[in-house]
């Protein structure tokens, strides 16, 4: 009898010999591809995983998201469902791009065809958000696709997009602020170079990098940036913010800040919004682990938040107010039972 020839799968650049290996290195893109080309079933056969083979062979759907969820269930993989959905949507976008590139090559890259497809693709992404106003994974994936592959259209259309989403989906507006490529369309940005130095009265120079980094990366308003920079030798009066001379951006930013105070704001975000309240007895309470990013929505006066485990990274309520600060993990400190910290996973 011929000997069965075994082979390894490669997931996340790691060789996969066992189910345990698959669980530890599960990659949506890799496993989904193996399922579609039949290698997953063949691997289960030669490795003798008859129970899993029967379940995988019984999958009837052709929907990529449903297939992925079934595979995660079959292989007992611990995963964030929303992140799984977002990942599958991004894979579908990549597949669409590959198909378009093939068609363009076959059609000798006809210019009008490319322009029409570009416009259609962007419009479909917008409608995908409007048709799924409460689906965070779909919204995040569509926004990332816009920012990565339709930037030219987004540069022209980001104002119209904002006001459309403002009326249709509060969640989508928050997702625009979570994405590092789109948040600067709507939040104040300090436009001085991050390595600029300022000379003090004694002729010494001091870098304004920390102040600028906080305003540009975290999106602080000019008023808050002034407050932040008061402890620095760099004078806030020398700074210039794009929002001050950009009426459209100023109006959008004002509208965003008002959303936070609007009736039903929390309810509209549903389980995408996390709320915590409680006394931490002067200690930092680790709410979320390092390695996951979160956007701080609001926090009570007197409380503090920081990225997980970052010494000296304390942010007060003034620092985070209307700033949509993004942190890596969440540590929280409070002496109140009633004040609340509101944040969202990026």
C-alpha atoms as a PDB file:
ATOM      1  CA  UNK A   1       0.000   0.000   0.000  1.00  0.00           C
ATOM      2  CA  UNK A   2       1.349   3.418  -0.960  1.00  0.00           C
ATOM      3  CA  UNK A   3       2.399   5.627   1.928  1.00  0.00           C
ATOM      4  CA  UNK A   4       0.372   8.798   2.451  1.00  0.00           C
ATOM      5  CA  UNK A   5       2.532  11.827   1.742  1.00  0.00           C
ATOM      6  CA  UNK A   6       2.005  14.505   4.361  1.00  0.00           C
ATOM      7  CA  UNK A   7       2.552  18.200   3.848  1.00  0.00           C
ATOM      8  CA  UNK A   8       2.386  21.369   5.905  1.00  0.00           C
ATOM      9  CA  UNK A   9       0.175  24.382   5.440  1.00  0.00           C
ATOM     10  CA  UNK A  10       1.783  27.789   5.821  1.00  0.00           C
ATOM     11  CA  UNK A  11      -0.219  30.276   7.898  1.00  0.00           C
ATOM     12  CA  UNK A  12       1.096  33.653   8.915  1.00  0.00           C
ATOM     13  CA  UNK A  13       4.485  32.474   7.554  1.00  0.00           C
ATOM     14  CA  UNK A  14       4.537  29.553  10.026  1.00  0.00           C
ATOM     15  CA  UNK A  15       4.482  25.821   9.095  1.00  0.00           C
ATOM     16  CA  UNK A  16       1.220  24.174  10.221  1.00  0.00           C
ATOM     17  CA  UNK A  17       1.422  20.487  11.130  1.00  0.00           C
ATOM     18  CA  UNK A  18      -1.376  20.160  13.706  1.00  0.00           C
ATOM     19  CA  UNK A  19      -4.728  21.668  14.638  1.00  0.00           C
ATOM     20  CA  UNK A  20      -2.962  23.344  17.566  1.00  0.00           C
ATOM     21  CA  UNK A  21      -0.537  24.992  15.126  1.00  0.00           C
ATOM     22  CA  UNK A  22      -3.516  26.188  13.083  1.00  0.00           C
ATOM     23  CA  UNK A  23      -5.230  27.647  16.149  1.00  0.00           C
ATOM     24  CA  UNK A  24      -2.100  29.537  17.233  1.00  0.00           C
ATOM     25  CA  UNK A  25      -1.293  30.941  13.785  1.00  0.00           C
ATOM     26  CA  UNK A  26      -4.752  31.270  12.260  1.00  0.00           C
ATOM     27  CA  UNK A  27      -4.679  33.723   9.365  1.00  0.00           C
ATOM     28  CA  UNK A  28      -7.984  34.581   7.721  1.00  0.00           C
ATOM     29  CA  UNK A  29      -6.409  35.231   4.328  1.00  0.00           C
ATOM     30  CA  UNK A  30      -4.327  32.046   4.322  1.00  0.00           C
ATOM     31  CA  UNK A  31      -6.975  29.652   5.670  1.00  0.00           C
ATOM     32  CA  UNK A  32      -9.699  31.058   3.427  1.00  0.00           C
ATOM     33  CA  UNK A  33      -7.423  30.607   0.404  1.00  0.00           C
ATOM     34  CA  UNK A  34      -6.641  27.016   1.423  1.00  0.00           C
ATOM     35  CA  UNK A  35     -10.357  26.317   1.788  1.00  0.00           C
ATOM     36  CA  UNK A  36     -11.136  27.723  -1.661  1.00  0.00           C
ATOM     37  CA  UNK A  37      -8.345  25.878  -3.484  1.00  0.00           C
ATOM     38  CA  UNK A  38      -9.017  22.578  -1.704  1.00  0.00           C
ATOM     39  CA  UNK A  39      -5.693  22.324   0.139  1.00  0.00           C
ATOM     40  CA  UNK A  40      -7.371  22.602   3.547  1.00  0.00           C
ATOM     41  CA  UNK A  41      -9.501  19.522   2.922  1.00  0.00           C
ATOM     42  CA  UNK A  42      -6.513  17.609   1.520  1.00  0.00           C
ATOM     43  CA  UNK A  43      -4.413  18.585   4.573  1.00  0.00           C
ATOM     44  CA  UNK A  44      -7.128  17.369   6.956  1.00  0.00           C
ATOM     45  CA  UNK A  45      -7.262  14.078   5.036  1.00  0.00           C
ATOM     46  CA  UNK A  46      -3.540  13.307   5.124  1.00  0.00           C
ATOM     47  CA  UNK A  47      -3.233  14.416   8.747  1.00  0.00           C
ATOM     48  CA  UNK A  48      -6.099  12.188   9.837  1.00  0.00           C
ATOM     49  CA  UNK A  49      -8.431  14.862  11.209  1.00  0.00           C
ATOM     50  CA  UNK A  50     -11.621  13.070  10.206  1.00  0.00           C
ATOM     51  CA  UNK A  51     -13.971  14.996  12.504  1.00  0.00           C
ATOM     52  CA  UNK A  52     -12.822  18.396  11.235  1.00  0.00           C
ATOM     53  CA  UNK A  53     -12.720  17.074   7.650  1.00  0.00           C
ATOM     54  CA  UNK A  54     -16.385  16.097   7.820  1.00  0.00           C
ATOM     55  CA  UNK A  55     -17.392  19.518   9.161  1.00  0.00           C
ATOM     56  CA  UNK A  56     -15.342  21.477   6.619  1.00  0.00           C
ATOM     57  CA  UNK A  57     -16.685  19.334   3.776  1.00  0.00           C
ATOM     58  CA  UNK A  58     -20.225  20.078   4.955  1.00  0.00           C
ATOM     59  CA  UNK A  59     -19.900  23.853   4.463  1.00  0.00           C
ATOM     60  CA  UNK A  60     -22.354  24.814   1.734  1.00  0.00           C
ATOM     61  CA  UNK A  61     -22.238  28.610   1.641  1.00  0.00           C
ATOM     62  CA  UNK A  62     -20.108  30.526  -0.866  1.00  0.00           C
ATOM     63  CA  UNK A  63     -20.074  33.719   1.189  1.00  0.00           C
ATOM     64  CA  UNK A  64     -16.513  34.435   2.365  1.00  0.00           C
ATOM     65  CA  UNK A  65     -17.588  35.836   5.731  1.00  0.00           C
ATOM     66  CA  UNK A  66     -19.867  32.881   6.491  1.00  0.00           C
ATOM     67  CA  UNK A  67     -17.147  30.437   5.433  1.00  0.00           C
ATOM     68  CA  UNK A  68     -14.609  32.147   7.687  1.00  0.00           C
ATOM     69  CA  UNK A  69     -16.945  32.098  10.683  1.00  0.00           C
ATOM     70  CA  UNK A  70     -17.630  28.406  10.098  1.00  0.00           C
ATOM     71  CA  UNK A  71     -13.906  27.615   9.925  1.00  0.00           C
ATOM     72  CA  UNK A  72     -13.230  29.570  13.116  1.00  0.00           C
ATOM     73  CA  UNK A  73     -15.959  27.604  14.852  1.00  0.00           C
ATOM     74  CA  UNK A  74     -14.754  24.239  13.510  1.00  0.00           C
ATOM     75  CA  UNK A  75     -11.151  24.833  14.573  1.00  0.00           C
ATOM     76  CA  UNK A  76     -12.142  26.455  17.878  1.00  0.00           C
ATOM     77  CA  UNK A  77     -10.154  29.624  17.227  1.00  0.00           C
ATOM     78  CA  UNK A  78     -10.439  32.478  19.722  1.00  0.00           C
ATOM     79  CA  UNK A  79     -11.180  35.609  17.717  1.00  0.00           C
ATOM     80  CA  UNK A  80     -12.866  39.013  17.850  1.00  0.00           C
ATOM     81  CA  UNK A  81     -15.920  38.674  15.599  1.00  0.00           C
ATOM     82  CA  UNK A  82     -15.856  42.316  14.486  1.00  0.00           C
ATOM     83  CA  UNK A  83     -12.165  42.114  13.581  1.00  0.00           C
ATOM     84  CA  UNK A  84     -12.845  38.913  11.660  1.00  0.00           C
ATOM     85  CA  UNK A  85     -15.566  40.655   9.658  1.00  0.00           C
ATOM     86  CA  UNK A  86     -13.327  43.643   8.958  1.00  0.00           C
ATOM     87  CA  UNK A  87     -10.527  41.326   7.807  1.00  0.00           C
ATOM     88  CA  UNK A  88     -12.782  39.399   5.424  1.00  0.00           C
ATOM     89  CA  UNK A  89     -14.099  42.619   3.880  1.00  0.00           C
ATOM     90  CA  UNK A  90     -10.520  43.785   3.252  1.00  0.00           C
ATOM     91  CA  UNK A  91      -9.663  40.445   1.619  1.00  0.00           C
ATOM     92  CA  UNK A  92     -12.665  40.836  -0.681  1.00  0.00           C
ATOM     93  CA  UNK A  93     -11.449  44.304  -1.667  1.00  0.00           C
ATOM     94  CA  UNK A  94      -8.009  42.873  -2.493  1.00  0.00           C
ATOM     95  CA  UNK A  95      -9.576  40.159  -4.634  1.00  0.00           C
ATOM     96  CA  UNK A  96     -11.604  42.781  -6.495  1.00  0.00           C
ATOM     97  CA  UNK A  97      -8.453  44.806  -7.179  1.00  0.00           C
ATOM     98  CA  UNK A  98      -6.706  41.727  -8.570  1.00  0.00           C
ATOM     99  CA  UNK A  99      -9.636  41.039 -10.894  1.00  0.00           C
ATOM    100  CA  UNK A 100      -9.692  44.654 -12.091  1.00  0.00           C
ATOM    101  CA  UNK A 101      -5.951  44.630 -12.771  1.00  0.00           C
ATOM    102  CA  UNK A 102      -6.397  41.493 -14.873  1.00  0.00           C
ATOM    103  CA  UNK A 103      -9.228  43.111 -16.830  1.00  0.00           C
ATOM    104  CA  UNK A 104      -7.239  46.323 -17.369  1.00  0.00           C
ATOM    105  CA  UNK A 105      -4.302  44.330 -18.693  1.00  0.00           C
ATOM    106  CA  UNK A 106      -6.572  42.417 -21.064  1.00  0.00           C
ATOM    107  CA  UNK A 107      -8.153  45.681 -22.270  1.00  0.00           C
ATOM    108  CA  UNK A 108      -4.756  47.389 -22.645  1.00  0.00           C
ATOM    109  CA  UNK A 109      -5.512  49.742 -19.734  1.00  0.00           C
ATOM    110  CA  UNK A 110      -8.183  51.820 -21.476  1.00  0.00           C
ATOM    111  CA  UNK A 111      -8.235  55.145 -19.629  1.00  0.00           C
ATOM    112  CA  UNK A 112     -11.979  55.784 -19.636  1.00  0.00           C
ATOM    113  CA  UNK A 113     -12.671  52.294 -18.326  1.00  0.00           C
ATOM    114  CA  UNK A 114     -10.296  52.870 -15.421  1.00  0.00           C
ATOM    115  CA  UNK A 115     -11.865  56.259 -14.586  1.00  0.00           C
ATOM    116  CA  UNK A 116     -15.388  54.841 -14.705  1.00  0.00           C
ATOM    117  CA  UNK A 117     -14.436  51.897 -12.489  1.00  0.00           C
ATOM    118  CA  UNK A 118     -12.663  54.212 -10.054  1.00  0.00           C
ATOM    119  CA  UNK A 119     -15.721  56.430  -9.690  1.00  0.00           C
ATOM    120  CA  UNK A 120     -18.041  53.430  -9.425  1.00  0.00           C
ATOM    121  CA  UNK A 121     -15.811  51.773  -6.840  1.00  0.00           C
ATOM    122  CA  UNK A 122     -15.765  54.832  -4.594  1.00  0.00           C
ATOM    123  CA  UNK A 123     -19.531  55.296  -4.888  1.00  0.00           C
ATOM    124  CA  UNK A 124     -20.096  51.658  -3.955  1.00  0.00           C
ATOM    125  CA  UNK A 125     -17.960  52.094  -0.841  1.00  0.00           C
ATOM    126  CA  UNK A 126     -20.058  55.084   0.253  1.00  0.00           C
ATOM    127  CA  UNK A 127     -23.299  53.212  -0.358  1.00  0.00           C
ATOM    128  CA  UNK A 128     -21.870  50.235   1.494  1.00  0.00           C
ATOM    129  CA  UNK A 129     -21.603  52.433   4.589  1.00  0.00           C
ATOM    130  CA  UNK A 130     -25.024  53.998   4.133  1.00  0.00           C
ATOM    131  CA  UNK A 131     -26.622  50.581   3.665  1.00  0.00           C
ATOM    132  CA  UNK A 132     -24.927  49.271   6.829  1.00  0.00           C
ATOM    133  CA  UNK A 133     -24.945  52.258   9.229  1.00  0.00           C
ATOM    134  CA  UNK A 134     -24.577  50.069  12.342  1.00  0.00           C
ATOM    135  CA  UNK A 135     -22.020  47.556  11.026  1.00  0.00           C
ATOM    136  CA  UNK A 136     -18.696  48.742  12.467  1.00  0.00           C
ATOM    137  CA  UNK A 137     -16.606  46.113  10.683  1.00  0.00           C
ATOM    138  CA  UNK A 138     -18.071  46.974   7.262  1.00  0.00           C
ATOM    139  CA  UNK A 139     -17.741  50.717   7.888  1.00  0.00           C
ATOM    140  CA  UNK A 140     -14.102  50.486   9.029  1.00  0.00           C
ATOM    141  CA  UNK A 141     -13.159  48.284   6.082  1.00  0.00           C
ATOM    142  CA  UNK A 142     -14.839  50.618   3.583  1.00  0.00           C
ATOM    143  CA  UNK A 143     -13.183  53.692   5.077  1.00  0.00           C
ATOM    144  CA  UNK A 144      -9.760  52.011   4.996  1.00  0.00           C
ATOM    145  CA  UNK A 145     -10.345  51.044   1.373  1.00  0.00           C
ATOM    146  CA  UNK A 146     -11.303  54.644   0.521  1.00  0.00           C
ATOM    147  CA  UNK A 147      -8.231  56.048   2.265  1.00  0.00           C
ATOM    148  CA  UNK A 148      -5.839  53.489   0.745  1.00  0.00           C
ATOM    149  CA  UNK A 149      -7.068  53.149  -2.831  1.00  0.00           C
ATOM    150  CA  UNK A 150      -9.437  56.072  -3.474  1.00  0.00           C
ATOM    151  CA  UNK A 151      -7.541  58.936  -1.827  1.00  0.00           C
ATOM    152  CA  UNK A 152      -7.935  61.238  -4.823  1.00  0.00           C
ATOM    153  CA  UNK A 153     -11.723  60.880  -4.632  1.00  0.00           C
ATOM    154  CA  UNK A 154     -11.692  61.227  -0.844  1.00  0.00           C
ATOM    155  CA  UNK A 155      -9.621  64.422  -1.035  1.00  0.00           C
ATOM    156  CA  UNK A 156     -12.358  65.942  -3.179  1.00  0.00           C
ATOM    157  CA  UNK A 157     -15.348  64.334  -1.501  1.00  0.00           C
ATOM    158  CA  UNK A 158     -14.511  64.184   2.224  1.00  0.00           C
ATOM    159  CA  UNK A 159     -16.712  67.191   3.044  1.00  0.00           C
ATOM    160  CA  UNK A 160     -19.784  65.832   1.274  1.00  0.00           C
ATOM    161  CA  UNK A 161     -19.061  62.403   2.751  1.00  0.00           C
ATOM    162  CA  UNK A 162     -18.966  63.831   6.269  1.00  0.00           C
ATOM    163  CA  UNK A 163     -22.274  65.685   6.057  1.00  0.00           C
ATOM    164  CA  UNK A 164     -23.935  62.657   4.483  1.00  0.00           C
ATOM    165  CA  UNK A 165     -22.721  60.379   7.263  1.00  0.00           C
ATOM    166  CA  UNK A 166     -23.413  62.991   9.941  1.00  0.00           C
ATOM    167  CA  UNK A 167     -27.114  62.673   9.173  1.00  0.00           C
ATOM    168  CA  UNK A 168     -27.139  58.918   8.597  1.00  0.00           C
ATOM    169  CA  UNK A 169     -24.619  57.226  10.895  1.00  0.00           C
ATOM    170  CA  UNK A 170     -22.937  58.559  14.039  1.00  0.00           C
ATOM    171  CA  UNK A 171     -20.918  55.325  14.113  1.00  0.00           C
ATOM    172  CA  UNK A 172     -19.478  56.067  10.661  1.00  0.00           C
ATOM    173  CA  UNK A 173     -18.406  59.552  11.769  1.00  0.00           C
ATOM    174  CA  UNK A 174     -16.578  58.046  14.754  1.00  0.00           C
ATOM    175  CA  UNK A 175     -14.928  55.513  12.442  1.00  0.00           C
ATOM    176  CA  UNK A 176     -13.629  58.343  10.259  1.00  0.00           C
ATOM    177  CA  UNK A 177     -11.896  59.712  13.360  1.00  0.00           C
ATOM    178  CA  UNK A 178     -10.451  56.301  14.282  1.00  0.00           C
ATOM    179  CA  UNK A 179      -8.679  55.889  10.951  1.00  0.00           C
ATOM    180  CA  UNK A 180      -5.271  57.566  11.010  1.00  0.00           C
ATOM    181  CA  UNK A 181      -5.541  58.349   7.290  1.00  0.00           C
ATOM    182  CA  UNK A 182      -8.931  60.099   7.483  1.00  0.00           C
ATOM    183  CA  UNK A 183      -9.020  61.747  10.930  1.00  0.00           C
ATOM    184  CA  UNK A 184      -6.955  64.740   9.799  1.00  0.00           C
ATOM    185  CA  UNK A 185      -9.639  65.691   7.296  1.00  0.00           C
ATOM    186  CA  UNK A 186     -11.825  66.596  10.268  1.00  0.00           C
ATOM    187  CA  UNK A 187      -9.655  67.286  13.336  1.00  0.00           C
ATOM    188  CA  UNK A 188      -7.358  70.257  14.010  1.00  0.00           C
ATOM    189  CA  UNK A 189      -3.751  69.658  13.003  1.00  0.00           C
ATOM    190  CA  UNK A 190      -0.748  71.756  14.010  1.00  0.00           C
ATOM    191  CA  UNK A 191       1.037  72.590  10.757  1.00  0.00           C
ATOM    192  CA  UNK A 192       4.486  73.471  12.117  1.00  0.00           C
ATOM    193  CA  UNK A 193       7.180  70.924  11.266  1.00  0.00           C
ATOM    194  CA  UNK A 194       7.532  68.373  14.084  1.00  0.00           C
ATOM    195  CA  UNK A 195      11.302  68.945  14.379  1.00  0.00           C
ATOM    196  CA  UNK A 196      11.103  72.753  14.577  1.00  0.00           C
ATOM    197  CA  UNK A 197      12.933  74.352  17.496  1.00  0.00           C
ATOM    198  CA  UNK A 198      12.284  77.604  19.314  1.00  0.00           C
ATOM    199  CA  UNK A 199      14.905  79.782  20.956  1.00  0.00           C
ATOM    200  CA  UNK A 200      14.210  80.913  24.525  1.00  0.00           C
ATOM    201  CA  UNK A 201      15.246  84.194  26.178  1.00  0.00           C
ATOM    202  CA  UNK A 202      18.631  82.750  27.104  1.00  0.00           C
ATOM    203  CA  UNK A 203      19.470  81.707  23.570  1.00  0.00           C
ATOM    204  CA  UNK A 204      18.797  78.025  24.246  1.00  0.00           C
ATOM    205  CA  UNK A 205      16.755  75.955  21.846  1.00  0.00           C
ATOM    206  CA  UNK A 206      14.105  73.447  22.804  1.00  0.00           C
ATOM    207  CA  UNK A 207      12.230  71.031  20.587  1.00  0.00           C
ATOM    208  CA  UNK A 208       8.484  71.506  20.255  1.00  0.00           C
ATOM    209  CA  UNK A 209       8.180  67.906  19.072  1.00  0.00           C
ATOM    210  CA  UNK A 210       6.139  66.728  22.057  1.00  0.00           C
ATOM    211  CA  UNK A 211       3.636  69.549  21.808  1.00  0.00           C
ATOM    212  CA  UNK A 212       3.270  69.218  18.049  1.00  0.00           C
ATOM    213  CA  UNK A 213       3.083  65.444  18.200  1.00  0.00           C
ATOM    214  CA  UNK A 214       0.206  65.648  20.647  1.00  0.00           C
ATOM    215  CA  UNK A 215      -1.749  68.123  18.559  1.00  0.00           C
ATOM    216  CA  UNK A 216      -1.134  66.454  15.206  1.00  0.00           C
ATOM    217  CA  UNK A 217      -1.408  62.795  16.163  1.00  0.00           C
ATOM    218  CA  UNK A 218      -4.124  63.083  18.770  1.00  0.00           C
ATOM    219  CA  UNK A 219      -6.038  65.874  17.049  1.00  0.00           C
ATOM    220  CA  UNK A 220      -6.192  68.393  19.883  1.00  0.00           C
ATOM    221  CA  UNK A 221      -8.081  71.611  19.328  1.00  0.00           C
ATOM    222  CA  UNK A 222      -6.073  74.834  19.257  1.00  0.00           C
ATOM    223  CA  UNK A 223      -7.398  75.841  22.657  1.00  0.00           C
ATOM    224  CA  UNK A 224      -6.310  72.583  24.238  1.00  0.00           C
ATOM    225  CA  UNK A 225      -2.972  72.719  22.475  1.00  0.00           C
ATOM    226  CA  UNK A 226      -2.403  76.141  24.031  1.00  0.00           C
ATOM    227  CA  UNK A 227      -3.101  74.645  27.443  1.00  0.00           C
ATOM    228  CA  UNK A 228      -0.855  71.659  26.777  1.00  0.00           C
ATOM    229  CA  UNK A 229       2.041  73.792  25.615  1.00  0.00           C
ATOM    230  CA  UNK A 230       1.937  76.135  28.609  1.00  0.00           C
ATOM    231  CA  UNK A 231       4.540  73.955  30.352  1.00  0.00           C
ATOM    232  CA  UNK A 232       6.817  74.041  27.310  1.00  0.00           C
ATOM    233  CA  UNK A 233       9.273  76.738  26.303  1.00  0.00           C
ATOM    234  CA  UNK A 234       7.565  76.789  22.920  1.00  0.00           C
ATOM    235  CA  UNK A 235       4.894  79.469  22.941  1.00  0.00           C
ATOM    236  CA  UNK A 236       1.429  78.415  21.755  1.00  0.00           C
ATOM    237  CA  UNK A 237       0.907  81.850  20.238  1.00  0.00           C
ATOM    238  CA  UNK A 238       3.540  81.003  17.642  1.00  0.00           C
ATOM    239  CA  UNK A 239       1.596  77.987  16.466  1.00  0.00           C
ATOM    240  CA  UNK A 240      -0.740  77.881  13.534  1.00  0.00           C
ATOM    241  CA  UNK A 241      -3.583  75.404  13.150  1.00  0.00           C
ATOM    242  CA  UNK A 242      -5.121  74.436   9.840  1.00  0.00           C
ATOM    243  CA  UNK A 243      -8.605  74.671  11.330  1.00  0.00           C
ATOM    244  CA  UNK A 244      -8.260  78.395  12.039  1.00  0.00           C
ATOM    245  CA  UNK A 245      -8.162  79.260   8.346  1.00  0.00           C
ATOM    246  CA  UNK A 246     -10.364  76.448   7.090  1.00  0.00           C
ATOM    247  CA  UNK A 247     -14.029  77.278   7.555  1.00  0.00           C
ATOM    248  CA  UNK A 248     -15.254  73.932   6.192  1.00  0.00           C
ATOM    249  CA  UNK A 249     -13.059  71.958   8.564  1.00  0.00           C
ATOM    250  CA  UNK A 250     -13.994  74.196  11.488  1.00  0.00           C
ATOM    251  CA  UNK A 251     -17.695  73.610  10.802  1.00  0.00           C
ATOM    252  CA  UNK A 252     -17.223  69.863  10.562  1.00  0.00           C
ATOM    253  CA  UNK A 253     -15.186  69.747  13.770  1.00  0.00           C
ATOM    254  CA  UNK A 254     -17.813  71.796  15.592  1.00  0.00           C
ATOM    255  CA  UNK A 255     -20.531  69.440  14.361  1.00  0.00           C
ATOM    256  CA  UNK A 256     -18.528  66.437  15.597  1.00  0.00           C
ATOM    257  CA  UNK A 257     -18.134  67.955  19.064  1.00  0.00           C
ATOM    258  CA  UNK A 258     -21.870  68.654  19.215  1.00  0.00           C
ATOM    259  CA  UNK A 259     -22.594  65.017  18.339  1.00  0.00           C
ATOM    260  CA  UNK A 260     -21.020  63.954  21.632  1.00  0.00           C
ATOM    261  CA  UNK A 261     -23.544  66.077  23.518  1.00  0.00           C
ATOM    262  CA  UNK A 262     -26.539  65.167  21.380  1.00  0.00           C
ATOM    263  CA  UNK A 263     -29.474  63.129  22.662  1.00  0.00           C
ATOM    264  CA  UNK A 264     -29.102  59.426  22.109  1.00  0.00           C
ATOM    265  CA  UNK A 265     -25.408  59.600  21.198  1.00  0.00           C
ATOM    266  CA  UNK A 266     -24.457  56.547  23.273  1.00  0.00           C
ATOM    267  CA  UNK A 267     -27.507  54.584  22.144  1.00  0.00           C
ATOM    268  CA  UNK A 268     -26.650  55.187  18.485  1.00  0.00           C
ATOM    269  CA  UNK A 269     -23.217  53.643  18.996  1.00  0.00           C
ATOM    270  CA  UNK A 270     -24.665  50.614  20.790  1.00  0.00           C
ATOM    271  CA  UNK A 271     -22.183  47.944  21.845  1.00  0.00           C
ATOM    272  CA  UNK A 272     -19.438  49.688  19.868  1.00  0.00           C
ATOM    273  CA  UNK A 273     -19.151  52.098  22.798  1.00  0.00           C
ATOM    274  CA  UNK A 274     -17.609  50.902  26.069  1.00  0.00           C
ATOM    275  CA  UNK A 275     -18.466  52.673  29.324  1.00  0.00           C
ATOM    276  CA  UNK A 276     -16.678  52.324  32.656  1.00  0.00           C
ATOM    277  CA  UNK A 277     -17.248  54.020  36.012  1.00  0.00           C
ATOM    278  CA  UNK A 278     -15.697  53.248  39.373  1.00  0.00           C
ATOM    279  CA  UNK A 279     -13.244  54.278  42.086  1.00  0.00           C
ATOM    280  CA  UNK A 280      -9.721  52.965  41.496  1.00  0.00           C
ATOM    281  CA  UNK A 281      -8.351  53.961  44.949  1.00  0.00           C
ATOM    282  CA  UNK A 282      -5.546  56.060  43.506  1.00  0.00           C
ATOM    283  CA  UNK A 283      -4.234  53.227  41.340  1.00  0.00           C
ATOM    284  CA  UNK A 284      -4.311  52.676  37.605  1.00  0.00           C
ATOM    285  CA  UNK A 285      -6.954  50.146  36.603  1.00  0.00           C
ATOM    286  CA  UNK A 286      -6.070  48.204  33.460  1.00  0.00           C
ATOM    287  CA  UNK A 287      -9.260  48.156  31.399  1.00  0.00           C
ATOM    288  CA  UNK A 288      -7.856  47.068  28.041  1.00  0.00           C
ATOM    289  CA  UNK A 289      -4.585  45.281  27.137  1.00  0.00           C
ATOM    290  CA  UNK A 290      -1.681  46.732  25.208  1.00  0.00           C
ATOM    291  CA  UNK A 291      -1.760  45.708  21.554  1.00  0.00           C
ATOM    292  CA  UNK A 292      -5.312  46.922  20.925  1.00  0.00           C
ATOM    293  CA  UNK A 293      -6.019  50.546  20.049  1.00  0.00           C
ATOM    294  CA  UNK A 294      -8.910  52.535  21.471  1.00  0.00           C
ATOM    295  CA  UNK A 295     -10.297  56.017  20.869  1.00  0.00           C
ATOM    296  CA  UNK A 296     -11.236  57.955  23.987  1.00  0.00           C
ATOM    297  CA  UNK A 297     -14.607  59.660  23.544  1.00  0.00           C
ATOM    298  CA  UNK A 298     -15.049  61.442  26.866  1.00  0.00           C
ATOM    299  CA  UNK A 299     -14.020  61.361  30.508  1.00  0.00           C
ATOM    300  CA  UNK A 300     -15.059  63.089  33.726  1.00  0.00           C
ATOM    301  CA  UNK A 301     -13.149  66.038  35.176  1.00  0.00           C
ATOM    302  CA  UNK A 302     -10.582  64.839  37.697  1.00  0.00           C
ATOM    303  CA  UNK A 303     -10.047  61.461  36.063  1.00  0.00           C
ATOM    304  CA  UNK A 304      -7.033  60.255  34.071  1.00  0.00           C
ATOM    305  CA  UNK A 305      -6.404  57.818  31.231  1.00  0.00           C
ATOM    306  CA  UNK A 306      -3.273  56.549  29.485  1.00  0.00           C
ATOM    307  CA  UNK A 307      -1.999  53.859  27.133  1.00  0.00           C
ATOM    308  CA  UNK A 308      -1.586  50.571  28.986  1.00  0.00           C
ATOM    309  CA  UNK A 309       1.469  50.613  31.228  1.00  0.00           C
ATOM    310  CA  UNK A 310       2.930  53.866  29.864  1.00  0.00           C
ATOM    311  CA  UNK A 311       4.616  55.699  32.720  1.00  0.00           C
ATOM    312  CA  UNK A 312       4.215  59.479  32.456  1.00  0.00           C
ATOM    313  CA  UNK A 313       1.595  59.158  29.718  1.00  0.00           C
ATOM    314  CA  UNK A 314      -1.220  60.525  31.895  1.00  0.00           C
ATOM    315  CA  UNK A 315      -3.981  62.345  30.039  1.00  0.00           C
ATOM    316  CA  UNK A 316      -6.480  64.471  31.938  1.00  0.00           C
ATOM    317  CA  UNK A 317     -10.066  65.253  30.996  1.00  0.00           C
ATOM    318  CA  UNK A 318      -8.804  68.507  29.449  1.00  0.00           C
ATOM    319  CA  UNK A 319      -6.356  66.575  27.280  1.00  0.00           C
ATOM    320  CA  UNK A 320      -9.026  64.244  25.904  1.00  0.00           C
ATOM    321  CA  UNK A 321     -12.011  66.596  25.624  1.00  0.00           C
ATOM    322  CA  UNK A 322     -13.102  66.769  21.973  1.00  0.00           C
ATOM    323  CA  UNK A 323      -9.686  65.385  20.987  1.00  0.00           C
ATOM    324  CA  UNK A 324     -10.542  61.781  20.109  1.00  0.00           C
ATOM    325  CA  UNK A 325      -7.241  60.588  21.522  1.00  0.00           C
ATOM    326  CA  UNK A 326      -6.136  57.136  20.390  1.00  0.00           C
ATOM    327  CA  UNK A 327      -4.306  54.988  22.943  1.00  0.00           C
ATOM    328  CA  UNK A 328      -2.678  51.565  22.918  1.00  0.00           C
ATOM    329  CA  UNK A 329      -4.599  49.680  25.592  1.00  0.00           C
ATOM    330  CA  UNK A 330      -6.450  51.570  28.346  1.00  0.00           C
ATOM    331  CA  UNK A 331      -5.409  52.346  31.938  1.00  0.00           C
ATOM    332  CA  UNK A 332      -7.823  54.471  33.975  1.00  0.00           C
ATOM    333  CA  UNK A 333      -7.673  56.313  37.280  1.00  0.00           C
ATOM    334  CA  UNK A 334     -10.677  57.827  39.079  1.00  0.00           C
ATOM    335  CA  UNK A 335     -11.929  58.680  42.563  1.00  0.00           C
ATOM    336  CA  UNK A 336     -15.586  58.857  41.561  1.00  0.00           C
ATOM    337  CA  UNK A 337     -18.332  56.252  41.255  1.00  0.00           C
ATOM    338  CA  UNK A 338     -20.438  58.456  38.991  1.00  0.00           C
ATOM    339  CA  UNK A 339     -17.978  59.861  36.440  1.00  0.00           C
ATOM    340  CA  UNK A 340     -17.741  57.783  33.281  1.00  0.00           C
ATOM    341  CA  UNK A 341     -15.038  56.917  30.782  1.00  0.00           C
ATOM    342  CA  UNK A 342     -16.376  56.357  27.264  1.00  0.00           C
ATOM    343  CA  UNK A 343     -14.177  54.767  24.580  1.00  0.00           C
ATOM    344  CA  UNK A 344     -14.323  52.691  21.377  1.00  0.00           C
ATOM    345  CA  UNK A 345     -12.084  50.013  19.924  1.00  0.00           C
ATOM    346  CA  UNK A 346     -10.321  51.237  16.808  1.00  0.00           C
END
